[in-house]
N, C-alpha and C. Protein backbone atom coordinates (compact mmCIF):
# COMPACT_ATOMS: atom_id res chain seq x y z
N UNK A 1 -37.21 32.63 76.76
CA UNK A 1 -37.98 33.86 76.83
C UNK A 1 -37.07 35.04 76.44
N UNK A 2 -37.58 35.89 75.60
CA UNK A 2 -36.83 37.06 75.13
C UNK A 2 -37.33 38.30 75.84
N UNK A 3 -36.39 39.11 76.30
CA UNK A 3 -36.75 40.34 77.00
C UNK A 3 -37.39 41.33 76.04
N UNK A 4 -38.45 41.97 76.52
CA UNK A 4 -39.10 43.00 75.70
C UNK A 4 -38.73 44.40 76.16
N UNK A 5 -38.09 44.49 77.33
CA UNK A 5 -37.65 45.78 77.86
C UNK A 5 -36.19 45.67 78.30
N UNK A 6 -35.52 46.78 78.25
CA UNK A 6 -34.15 46.85 78.74
C UNK A 6 -33.98 48.24 79.35
N UNK A 7 -33.28 48.31 80.47
CA UNK A 7 -32.99 49.60 81.09
C UNK A 7 -31.48 49.77 81.15
N UNK A 8 -31.00 50.83 80.56
CA UNK A 8 -29.58 51.14 80.59
C UNK A 8 -29.34 52.24 81.61
N UNK A 9 -28.42 51.98 82.54
CA UNK A 9 -28.06 53.01 83.52
C UNK A 9 -26.84 53.75 82.99
N UNK A 10 -26.94 55.05 82.96
CA UNK A 10 -25.85 55.89 82.47
C UNK A 10 -25.43 56.82 83.60
N UNK A 11 -24.20 56.66 84.07
CA UNK A 11 -23.69 57.60 85.06
C UNK A 11 -23.46 58.93 84.35
N UNK A 12 -23.86 60.01 84.97
CA UNK A 12 -23.76 61.33 84.36
C UNK A 12 -22.39 61.66 83.80
N UNK A 13 -21.34 61.14 84.44
CA UNK A 13 -19.98 61.40 83.97
C UNK A 13 -19.69 60.80 82.61
N UNK A 14 -20.42 59.76 82.23
CA UNK A 14 -20.20 59.13 80.92
C UNK A 14 -20.56 60.08 79.78
N UNK A 15 -21.41 61.03 80.06
CA UNK A 15 -21.86 61.92 79.00
C UNK A 15 -20.86 63.03 78.69
N UNK A 16 -19.90 63.26 79.56
CA UNK A 16 -18.95 64.34 79.34
C UNK A 16 -17.55 63.85 78.99
N UNK A 17 -17.30 62.55 79.11
CA UNK A 17 -16.00 61.98 78.77
C UNK A 17 -16.14 61.31 77.40
N UNK A 18 -15.37 61.77 76.44
CA UNK A 18 -15.53 61.33 75.05
C UNK A 18 -15.47 59.81 74.90
N UNK A 19 -14.50 59.14 75.52
CA UNK A 19 -14.37 57.69 75.37
C UNK A 19 -15.58 56.96 75.95
N UNK A 20 -16.04 57.39 77.09
CA UNK A 20 -17.20 56.76 77.73
C UNK A 20 -18.46 57.02 76.91
N UNK A 21 -18.55 58.20 76.32
CA UNK A 21 -19.70 58.54 75.49
C UNK A 21 -19.74 57.63 74.25
N UNK A 22 -18.59 57.34 73.68
CA UNK A 22 -18.51 56.43 72.53
C UNK A 22 -18.97 55.02 72.93
N UNK A 23 -18.62 54.58 74.14
CA UNK A 23 -19.08 53.27 74.64
C UNK A 23 -20.60 53.26 74.75
N UNK A 24 -21.17 54.34 75.25
CA UNK A 24 -22.62 54.45 75.37
C UNK A 24 -23.28 54.41 74.00
N UNK A 25 -22.70 55.14 73.05
CA UNK A 25 -23.24 55.12 71.69
C UNK A 25 -23.23 53.71 71.12
N UNK A 26 -22.16 52.96 71.38
CA UNK A 26 -22.06 51.59 70.89
C UNK A 26 -23.14 50.71 71.55
N UNK A 27 -23.36 50.90 72.85
CA UNK A 27 -24.42 50.14 73.55
C UNK A 27 -25.79 50.44 72.95
N UNK A 28 -26.05 51.72 72.68
CA UNK A 28 -27.34 52.10 72.10
C UNK A 28 -27.50 51.56 70.68
N UNK A 29 -26.41 51.57 69.91
CA UNK A 29 -26.45 51.01 68.56
C UNK A 29 -26.73 49.51 68.61
N UNK A 30 -26.10 48.80 69.55
CA UNK A 30 -26.32 47.36 69.69
C UNK A 30 -27.76 47.08 70.07
N UNK A 31 -28.32 47.86 70.99
CA UNK A 31 -29.72 47.68 71.39
C UNK A 31 -30.64 47.94 70.20
N UNK A 32 -30.35 48.96 69.42
CA UNK A 32 -31.17 49.26 68.24
C UNK A 32 -31.10 48.13 67.23
N UNK A 33 -29.92 47.53 67.08
CA UNK A 33 -29.76 46.40 66.14
C UNK A 33 -30.58 45.20 66.60
N UNK A 34 -30.84 45.09 67.90
CA UNK A 34 -31.65 44.00 68.45
C UNK A 34 -33.14 44.35 68.42
N UNK A 35 -33.48 45.52 67.90
CA UNK A 35 -34.87 45.92 67.75
C UNK A 35 -35.42 46.78 68.87
N UNK A 36 -34.56 47.23 69.79
CA UNK A 36 -35.02 48.07 70.89
C UNK A 36 -35.07 49.53 70.46
N UNK A 37 -36.07 50.25 70.96
CA UNK A 37 -36.16 51.69 70.75
C UNK A 37 -36.31 52.36 72.12
N UNK A 38 -35.87 53.59 72.20
CA UNK A 38 -35.96 54.35 73.44
C UNK A 38 -37.40 54.78 73.65
N UNK A 39 -37.98 54.42 74.80
CA UNK A 39 -39.37 54.78 75.09
C UNK A 39 -39.51 55.71 76.28
N UNK A 40 -38.43 55.91 77.02
CA UNK A 40 -38.52 56.80 78.17
C UNK A 40 -37.18 56.93 78.86
N UNK A 41 -37.11 57.88 79.76
CA UNK A 41 -35.90 58.07 80.55
C UNK A 41 -36.28 58.73 81.87
N UNK A 42 -35.42 58.53 82.86
CA UNK A 42 -35.60 59.20 84.14
C UNK A 42 -34.25 59.30 84.83
N UNK A 43 -34.15 60.20 85.78
CA UNK A 43 -32.89 60.42 86.48
C UNK A 43 -33.07 60.17 87.97
N UNK A 44 -32.05 59.59 88.56
CA UNK A 44 -31.99 59.40 90.01
C UNK A 44 -30.56 59.77 90.41
N UNK A 45 -30.45 60.78 91.25
CA UNK A 45 -29.15 61.31 91.66
C UNK A 45 -28.34 61.68 90.41
N UNK A 46 -27.14 61.11 90.26
CA UNK A 46 -26.33 61.46 89.09
C UNK A 46 -26.36 60.37 88.02
N UNK A 47 -27.41 59.56 88.04
CA UNK A 47 -27.59 58.51 87.04
C UNK A 47 -28.81 58.82 86.17
N UNK A 48 -28.68 58.48 84.91
CA UNK A 48 -29.80 58.60 83.97
C UNK A 48 -30.14 57.18 83.53
N UNK A 49 -31.41 56.86 83.54
CA UNK A 49 -31.85 55.53 83.13
C UNK A 49 -32.63 55.66 81.82
N UNK A 50 -32.19 54.88 80.84
CA UNK A 50 -32.84 54.88 79.53
C UNK A 50 -33.66 53.61 79.41
N UNK A 51 -34.95 53.75 79.19
CA UNK A 51 -35.84 52.59 79.08
C UNK A 51 -36.01 52.28 77.60
N UNK A 52 -35.61 51.05 77.25
CA UNK A 52 -35.69 50.60 75.87
C UNK A 52 -36.78 49.52 75.77
N UNK A 53 -37.49 49.48 74.66
CA UNK A 53 -38.53 48.47 74.47
C UNK A 53 -38.42 47.88 73.07
N UNK A 54 -38.67 46.59 73.00
CA UNK A 54 -38.72 45.90 71.71
C UNK A 54 -40.18 45.64 71.40
N UNK A 55 -40.65 46.00 70.20
CA UNK A 55 -42.06 45.77 69.86
C UNK A 55 -42.43 44.29 69.90
N UNK A 56 -43.67 44.04 70.17
CA UNK A 56 -44.14 42.67 70.13
C UNK A 56 -44.63 42.26 71.43
């Protein structure tokens, strides 16, 4: 069974530290290469959750 959704948790600090931001960009690029697109996001405390979905 192949997942049709993926949720990436991003700690808020990752967005302000250049090295961690590059890691996040690589994760998002990898998800895009697997056919996932960003369909939503939400925040809880100091975490941001990115909801990714693969069509089909």
